[in-house]
Amino acid sequence: MRIHIATDHAGLDFSTQLQHHLANQGHDVVDHGPLDYEPLDDYPAFCIRAAQAVVRDQADGIETLGVVFGGSGNGEQIAANKVQGVRAALVWSIATAELAREHNDANVIAIGARQHTFDEAASFIDRFIATPFSNEERHVRRIGQIAAYEQDGHLEPDPRAPRAARGGESADDFDPEAG
């Protein structure tokens, strides 16, 4: 599998270790930076490029996922999620790594390099890579709703709105005498 990775200065040492770890497992690792330690670098360009590469590879039929990380992983996740077609999840445990894939078909994960040991983070990444999407109808439906919004701003009707506003009968339209 191809794995696109990106970080900032907070995760540079982690990135080097991770590249070796993943390559030793037979993965094709693509590093989107940074290459050198720069304490004032900005992660968005690195993470967005990694996310774009994931989407591009998946569109080309290449089995691929992405890993972005920084001090907390929050900003990196936000940046990756700005790329259309990316579903980036912040992962902090084995369970969140599994659920990101099983329920959300996440194609990028974000991890806080300052929040975990390398061994912990590597175990999250390994589990993320190994876990397949469930393809359960409810998860497919929800991912489709997110993609529709991302594509054209379409939202499903608000379930809190009166039924008539959602295109169905309202309680006011109900006639108990009608049988």
Protein backbone atom coordinates (compact mmCIF):
# COMPACT_ATOMS: atom_id res chain seq x y z
CA MET A 1 0.00 0.00 0.00
CA ARG A 2 1.16 3.54 -0.65
CA ILE A 3 1.26 5.74 2.46
CA HIS A 4 1.53 9.52 2.12
CA ILE A 5 2.88 11.23 5.22
CA ALA A 6 3.36 14.84 6.29
CA THR A 7 4.19 16.66 9.49
CA ASP A 8 5.69 19.83 10.84
CA HIS A 9 8.76 20.44 12.98
CA ALA A 10 7.04 18.81 15.99
CA GLY A 11 6.88 15.47 14.20
CA LEU A 12 10.07 15.45 12.14
CA ASP A 13 11.89 12.80 14.19
CA PHE A 14 8.68 10.80 14.36
CA SER A 15 8.37 11.06 10.56
CA THR A 16 11.80 9.58 9.98
CA GLN A 17 11.08 6.64 12.31
CA LEU A 18 7.66 6.13 10.76
CA GLN A 19 9.03 6.05 7.22
CA HIS A 20 11.43 3.25 8.21
CA HIS A 21 8.72 1.40 10.12
CA LEU A 22 6.29 1.48 7.19
CA ALA A 23 8.92 0.70 4.54
CA ASN A 24 10.04 -2.33 6.58
CA GLN A 25 6.44 -3.58 6.36
CA GLY A 26 6.58 -3.31 2.58
CA HIS A 27 4.64 -0.07 2.15
CA ASP A 28 5.52 2.51 -0.49
CA VAL A 29 6.07 5.63 1.64
CA VAL A 30 5.87 9.12 0.13
CA ASP A 31 7.14 11.93 2.35
CA HIS A 32 5.53 15.33 1.79
CA GLY A 33 7.77 17.13 4.22
CA PRO A 34 9.33 18.85 5.83
CA LEU A 35 12.81 17.62 5.04
CA ASP A 36 14.70 19.73 7.58
CA TYR A 37 13.96 20.95 11.09
CA GLU A 38 12.57 24.48 11.02
CA PRO A 39 10.89 25.46 14.30
CA LEU A 40 8.72 28.09 12.59
CA ASP A 41 7.53 25.97 9.66
CA ASP A 42 3.87 25.81 8.73
CA TYR A 43 2.17 22.41 8.46
CA PRO A 44 -0.76 23.27 6.14
CA ALA A 45 1.20 23.06 2.88
CA PHE A 46 2.76 19.73 3.86
CA CYS A 47 -0.49 18.16 5.07
CA ILE A 48 -2.62 19.47 2.22
CA ARG A 49 -0.15 18.08 -0.34
CA ALA A 50 -0.23 14.67 1.35
CA ALA A 51 -4.04 14.74 1.40
CA GLN A 52 -4.18 15.75 -2.27
CA ALA A 53 -1.89 12.86 -3.14
CA VAL A 54 -4.15 10.39 -1.30
CA VAL A 55 -7.21 11.58 -3.23
CA ARG A 56 -5.32 11.54 -6.54
CA ASP A 57 -3.97 8.02 -5.96
CA GLN A 58 -7.36 6.69 -4.89
CA ALA A 59 -8.94 8.19 -8.02
CA ASP A 60 -6.27 6.35 -10.04
CA GLY A 61 -7.16 3.07 -8.32
CA ILE A 62 -4.01 2.93 -6.19
CA GLU A 63 -4.49 1.49 -2.71
CA THR A 64 -3.35 4.36 -0.53
CA LEU A 65 -3.86 6.10 2.80
CA GLY A 66 -2.37 9.14 4.50
CA VAL A 67 -0.87 9.96 7.89
CA VAL A 68 -0.42 13.54 9.07
CA PHE A 69 0.93 14.53 12.44
CA GLY A 70 2.19 17.42 14.47
CA GLY A 71 2.25 18.38 18.12
CA SER A 72 -1.42 17.61 18.74
CA GLY A 73 -2.59 16.45 15.30
CA ASN A 74 -5.53 18.87 15.42
CA GLY A 75 -4.31 21.45 12.93
CA GLU A 76 -2.99 18.77 10.63
CA GLN A 77 -6.38 17.05 10.60
CA ILE A 78 -8.13 20.35 9.86
CA ALA A 79 -5.74 21.09 6.99
CA ALA A 80 -6.13 17.62 5.45
CA ASN A 81 -9.92 17.84 5.69
CA LYS A 82 -9.90 20.94 3.48
CA VAL A 83 -9.06 18.70 0.51
CA GLN A 84 -12.18 17.50 -1.28
CA GLY A 85 -12.50 13.74 -0.91
CA VAL A 86 -10.45 13.47 2.27
CA ARG A 87 -11.93 12.05 5.42
CA ALA A 88 -9.24 12.70 8.03
CA ALA A 89 -9.77 11.49 11.59
CA LEU A 90 -7.85 12.46 14.71
CA VAL A 91 -6.68 9.19 16.24
CA TRP A 92 -5.54 8.74 19.84
CA SER A 93 -6.12 5.04 20.50
CA ILE A 94 -6.42 1.65 18.83
CA ALA A 95 -10.20 1.96 19.03
CA THR A 96 -10.31 5.34 17.28
CA ALA A 97 -7.97 4.03 14.57
CA GLU A 98 -10.30 1.08 13.93
CA LEU A 99 -13.47 3.15 14.00
CA ALA A 100 -11.99 5.75 11.66
CA ARG A 101 -11.67 3.03 9.01
CA GLU A 102 -14.63 0.76 9.87
CA HIS A 103 -17.30 3.44 10.23
CA ASN A 104 -15.96 6.49 8.40
CA ASP A 105 -13.78 4.97 5.68
CA ALA A 106 -11.18 7.55 6.73
CA ASN A 107 -8.41 7.81 4.20
CA VAL A 108 -6.12 10.02 6.32
CA ILE A 109 -5.39 9.94 10.04
CA ALA A 110 -3.91 12.64 12.19
CA ILE A 111 -1.88 11.89 15.29
CA GLY A 112 -0.32 14.12 17.93
CA ALA A 113 3.37 13.28 17.91
CA ARG A 114 3.81 15.02 21.27
CA GLN A 115 0.89 13.11 22.77
CA HIS A 116 2.13 9.55 22.27
CA THR A 117 5.26 7.47 22.25
CA PHE A 118 6.43 6.32 18.84
CA ASP A 119 5.39 2.75 19.62
CA GLU A 120 1.87 3.85 20.55
CA ALA A 121 1.47 5.97 17.44
CA ALA A 122 2.91 3.24 15.21
CA SER A 123 0.39 0.78 16.65
CA PHE A 124 -2.46 3.19 15.82
CA ILE A 125 -1.16 3.59 12.27
CA ASP A 126 -0.67 -0.14 11.80
CA ARG A 127 -4.23 -0.82 12.99
CA PHE A 128 -5.61 1.96 10.76
CA ILE A 129 -3.89 0.46 7.72
CA ALA A 130 -5.00 -3.09 8.56
CA THR A 131 -8.65 -2.26 9.26
CA PRO A 132 -11.07 -2.40 6.32
CA PHE A 133 -14.14 -0.25 5.85
CA SER A 134 -17.26 -2.14 6.97
CA ASN A 135 -19.37 -1.17 3.93
CA GLU A 136 -22.43 -1.21 6.21
CA GLU A 137 -25.32 0.63 4.58
CA ARG A 138 -25.64 3.19 7.37
CA HIS A 139 -21.96 4.13 7.11
CA VAL A 140 -22.07 4.28 3.31
CA ARG A 141 -25.18 6.50 3.55
CA ARG A 142 -23.55 8.89 6.03
CA ILE A 143 -20.34 9.17 4.02
CA GLY A 144 -22.48 9.88 0.96
CA GLN A 145 -24.22 12.71 2.81
CA ILE A 146 -20.86 14.24 3.73
CA ALA A 147 -19.64 13.92 0.14
CA ALA A 148 -22.84 15.53 -1.20
CA TYR A 149 -22.38 18.51 1.10
CA GLU A 150 -18.73 18.78 0.15
CA GLN A 151 -19.64 18.64 -3.56
CA ASP A 152 -22.54 21.11 -3.75
CA GLY A 153 -23.66 22.12 -0.28
CA HIS A 154 -26.58 19.68 -0.25
CA LEU A 155 -27.88 18.74 3.19
CA GLU A 156 -30.54 16.21 4.04
CA PRO A 157 -33.72 17.79 5.43
CA ASP A 158 -33.47 18.85 9.06
CA PRO A 159 -35.09 16.07 11.10
CA ARG A 160 -36.17 18.65 13.70
CA ALA A 161 -38.21 20.59 11.13
CA PRO A 162 -41.95 20.00 10.81
CA ARG A 163 -42.62 17.04 8.56
CA ALA A 164 -44.20 19.20 5.83
CA ALA A 165 -40.99 21.22 5.56
CA ARG A 166 -39.16 17.96 5.00
CA GLY A 167 -41.44 16.98 2.13
CA GLY A 168 -43.87 14.78 4.04
CA GLU A 169 -47.06 15.13 6.03
CA SER A 170 -47.02 17.26 9.14
CA ALA A 171 -48.87 16.54 12.35
CA ASP A 172 -51.26 19.34 11.35
CA ASP A 173 -52.18 17.39 8.17
CA PHE A 174 -53.15 14.29 10.13
CA ASP A 175 -56.88 13.65 10.37
CA PRO A 176 -57.59 10.97 12.99
CA GLU A 177 -61.17 10.68 11.70
CA ALA A 178 -60.02 9.81 8.16
CA GLY A 179 -59.23 6.23 9.10
